[in-house]
N, C-alpha and C. Protein backbone atom coordinates (compact mmCIF):
# COMPACT_ATOMS: atom_id res chain seq x y z
N UNK A 1 53.14 19.14 45.21
CA UNK A 1 53.11 18.07 44.24
C UNK A 1 51.67 17.54 44.14
N UNK A 2 51.21 17.36 42.91
CA UNK A 2 49.85 16.92 42.68
C UNK A 2 49.87 15.48 42.20
N UNK A 3 48.95 14.69 42.76
CA UNK A 3 48.84 13.29 42.34
C UNK A 3 47.62 13.13 41.45
N UNK A 4 47.79 12.47 40.37
CA UNK A 4 46.66 12.15 39.51
C UNK A 4 46.60 10.64 39.34
N UNK A 5 45.41 10.16 39.28
CA UNK A 5 45.22 8.72 39.11
C UNK A 5 44.39 8.48 37.86
N UNK A 6 44.77 7.50 37.09
CA UNK A 6 44.02 7.12 35.90
C UNK A 6 43.15 5.92 36.25
N UNK A 7 41.82 6.10 36.07
CA UNK A 7 40.89 5.01 36.33
C UNK A 7 40.38 4.49 35.00
N UNK A 8 40.21 3.19 34.89
CA UNK A 8 39.67 2.64 33.63
C UNK A 8 38.24 3.13 33.41
N UNK A 9 37.87 3.24 32.15
CA UNK A 9 36.53 3.70 31.78
C UNK A 9 35.49 2.70 32.25
N UNK A 10 34.40 3.20 32.78
CA UNK A 10 33.33 2.34 33.28
C UNK A 10 32.11 2.41 32.35
N UNK A 11 32.33 2.26 31.05
CA UNK A 11 31.23 2.29 30.09
C UNK A 11 30.37 1.06 30.24
N UNK A 12 29.03 1.25 30.18
CA UNK A 12 28.16 0.08 30.27
C UNK A 12 28.28 -0.77 29.00
N UNK A 13 28.02 -2.06 29.11
CA UNK A 13 28.11 -2.92 27.92
C UNK A 13 27.02 -2.51 26.92
N UNK A 14 27.28 -2.72 25.63
CA UNK A 14 26.28 -2.33 24.62
C UNK A 14 25.01 -3.18 24.77
N UNK A 15 23.89 -2.56 24.49
CA UNK A 15 22.60 -3.25 24.59
C UNK A 15 22.46 -4.22 23.42
N UNK A 16 21.90 -5.37 23.72
CA UNK A 16 21.70 -6.38 22.67
C UNK A 16 20.22 -6.46 22.35
N UNK A 17 19.74 -5.47 21.65
CA UNK A 17 18.31 -5.44 21.35
C UNK A 17 17.94 -6.43 20.26
N UNK A 18 18.82 -6.66 19.29
CA UNK A 18 18.46 -7.54 18.19
C UNK A 18 18.32 -8.99 18.66
N UNK A 19 19.10 -9.39 19.63
CA UNK A 19 19.00 -10.77 20.11
C UNK A 19 17.80 -10.95 21.03
N UNK A 20 17.43 -9.90 21.74
CA UNK A 20 16.34 -10.01 22.70
C UNK A 20 14.97 -9.84 22.05
N UNK A 21 14.91 -9.36 20.82
CA UNK A 21 13.64 -9.18 20.15
C UNK A 21 13.14 -10.53 19.65
N UNK A 22 11.96 -10.90 20.12
CA UNK A 22 11.44 -12.21 19.76
C UNK A 22 10.90 -12.20 18.33
N UNK A 23 10.75 -13.37 17.79
CA UNK A 23 10.21 -13.53 16.45
C UNK A 23 8.78 -13.02 16.41
N UNK A 24 8.03 -13.24 17.47
CA UNK A 24 6.64 -12.80 17.50
C UNK A 24 6.53 -11.28 17.50
N UNK A 25 7.46 -10.60 18.19
CA UNK A 25 7.45 -9.14 18.18
C UNK A 25 7.77 -8.61 16.78
N UNK A 26 8.72 -9.24 16.11
CA UNK A 26 9.07 -8.82 14.75
C UNK A 26 7.89 -9.04 13.81
N UNK A 27 7.23 -10.19 13.93
CA UNK A 27 6.07 -10.49 13.09
C UNK A 27 4.94 -9.50 13.35
N UNK A 28 4.69 -9.21 14.61
CA UNK A 28 3.64 -8.26 14.96
C UNK A 28 3.96 -6.87 14.41
N UNK A 29 5.21 -6.47 14.45
CA UNK A 29 5.60 -5.16 13.92
C UNK A 29 5.37 -5.09 12.42
N UNK A 30 5.68 -6.18 11.71
CA UNK A 30 5.48 -6.20 10.26
C UNK A 30 4.00 -6.16 9.92
N UNK A 31 3.20 -6.91 10.66
CA UNK A 31 1.76 -6.97 10.39
C UNK A 31 1.09 -5.63 10.69
N UNK A 32 1.46 -4.99 11.78
CA UNK A 32 0.81 -3.73 12.14
C UNK A 32 1.26 -2.57 11.26
N UNK A 33 2.45 -2.64 10.70
CA UNK A 33 2.92 -1.57 9.81
C UNK A 33 2.17 -1.58 8.49
N UNK A 34 1.73 -2.72 8.04
CA UNK A 34 1.00 -2.82 6.79
C UNK A 34 1.96 -2.85 5.60
N UNK A 35 1.38 -2.96 4.41
CA UNK A 35 2.22 -3.04 3.21
C UNK A 35 2.86 -1.69 2.90
N UNK A 36 4.03 -1.76 2.32
CA UNK A 36 4.69 -0.52 1.92
C UNK A 36 4.11 -0.08 0.58
N UNK A 37 3.80 1.20 0.44
CA UNK A 37 3.20 1.67 -0.81
C UNK A 37 4.22 1.64 -1.95
N UNK A 38 3.72 1.36 -3.13
CA UNK A 38 4.59 1.37 -4.31
C UNK A 38 4.74 2.81 -4.79
N UNK A 39 5.69 3.03 -5.67
CA UNK A 39 5.91 4.37 -6.21
C UNK A 39 4.68 4.84 -6.96
N UNK A 40 4.02 3.93 -7.66
CA UNK A 40 2.81 4.29 -8.40
C UNK A 40 1.71 4.77 -7.46
N UNK A 41 1.56 4.10 -6.32
CA UNK A 41 0.55 4.51 -5.34
C UNK A 41 0.85 5.89 -4.78
N UNK A 42 2.12 6.15 -4.49
CA UNK A 42 2.51 7.44 -3.93
C UNK A 42 2.27 8.56 -4.94
N UNK A 43 2.63 8.34 -6.19
CA UNK A 43 2.45 9.36 -7.23
C UNK A 43 0.97 9.62 -7.48
N UNK A 44 0.17 8.55 -7.52
CA UNK A 44 -1.27 8.71 -7.74
C UNK A 44 -1.91 9.49 -6.60
N UNK A 45 -1.53 9.17 -5.37
CA UNK A 45 -2.08 9.89 -4.22
C UNK A 45 -1.66 11.36 -4.26
N UNK A 46 -0.41 11.62 -4.64
CA UNK A 46 0.06 13.01 -4.75
C UNK A 46 -0.74 13.78 -5.80
N UNK A 47 -0.94 13.17 -6.96
CA UNK A 47 -1.68 13.85 -8.02
C UNK A 47 -3.12 14.13 -7.61
N UNK A 48 -3.72 13.22 -6.87
CA UNK A 48 -5.10 13.45 -6.42
C UNK A 48 -5.16 14.54 -5.36
N UNK A 49 -4.14 14.59 -4.49
CA UNK A 49 -4.12 15.65 -3.48
C UNK A 49 -3.90 17.02 -4.10
N UNK A 50 -3.06 17.08 -5.15
CA UNK A 50 -2.71 18.35 -5.78
C UNK A 50 -3.33 18.48 -7.17
N UNK A 51 -4.55 18.04 -7.27
CA UNK A 51 -5.24 18.03 -8.56
C UNK A 51 -5.38 19.44 -9.12
N UNK A 52 -5.57 20.42 -8.29
CA UNK A 52 -5.74 21.79 -8.76
C UNK A 52 -4.42 22.44 -9.15
N UNK A 53 -3.30 21.88 -8.72
CA UNK A 53 -1.99 22.45 -9.04
C UNK A 53 -1.46 21.98 -10.39
N UNK A 54 -2.03 20.91 -10.91
CA UNK A 54 -1.57 20.35 -12.19
C UNK A 54 -2.30 21.09 -13.32
N UNK A 55 -1.57 21.48 -14.35
CA UNK A 55 -2.24 22.15 -15.48
C UNK A 55 -3.29 21.23 -16.11
N UNK A 56 -4.39 21.81 -16.58
CA UNK A 56 -5.48 20.99 -17.14
C UNK A 56 -5.02 20.11 -18.31
N UNK A 57 -4.12 20.61 -19.13
CA UNK A 57 -3.66 19.81 -20.27
C UNK A 57 -2.95 18.54 -19.80
N UNK A 58 -2.15 18.67 -18.75
CA UNK A 58 -1.44 17.50 -18.21
C UNK A 58 -2.43 16.53 -17.59
N UNK A 59 -3.41 17.04 -16.86
CA UNK A 59 -4.41 16.18 -16.23
C UNK A 59 -5.20 15.40 -17.29
N UNK A 60 -5.57 16.07 -18.37
CA UNK A 60 -6.31 15.42 -19.46
C UNK A 60 -5.44 14.33 -20.10
N UNK A 61 -4.17 14.62 -20.28
CA UNK A 61 -3.26 13.63 -20.87
C UNK A 61 -3.10 12.42 -19.96
N UNK A 62 -3.00 12.63 -18.66
CA UNK A 62 -2.89 11.51 -17.71
C UNK A 62 -4.16 10.66 -17.72
N UNK A 63 -5.31 11.29 -17.81
CA UNK A 63 -6.56 10.54 -17.90
C UNK A 63 -6.66 9.79 -19.21
N UNK A 64 -6.20 10.41 -20.29
CA UNK A 64 -6.25 9.76 -21.60
C UNK A 64 -5.39 8.50 -21.62
N UNK A 65 -4.25 8.59 -20.99
CA UNK A 65 -3.34 7.43 -20.94
C UNK A 65 -3.71 6.45 -19.84
N UNK A 66 -4.77 6.77 -19.12
CA UNK A 66 -5.27 5.94 -18.02
C UNK A 66 -4.22 5.73 -16.93
N UNK A 67 -3.46 6.76 -16.65
CA UNK A 67 -2.49 6.71 -15.56
C UNK A 67 -3.13 7.13 -14.25
N UNK A 68 -4.27 7.81 -14.35
CA UNK A 68 -5.01 8.22 -13.16
C UNK A 68 -6.30 7.42 -13.12
N UNK A 69 -6.52 6.65 -12.06
CA UNK A 69 -7.77 5.86 -11.99
C UNK A 69 -8.98 6.72 -11.72
């Protein structure tokens, strides 16, 4: 005859990181991360990085419309 015993689970309590994070730590994180780029900034940076991949006619049109600084 085999005996089995059921023991209650010994899971650790969940961590409370949101309560322990100080206001100063949150402020410092926001300041060090810097501003989030806008969609316009991301598109402009992409076009400048891939300037040779864009057809010349499209590049001329973007410059004409002053979409590229």
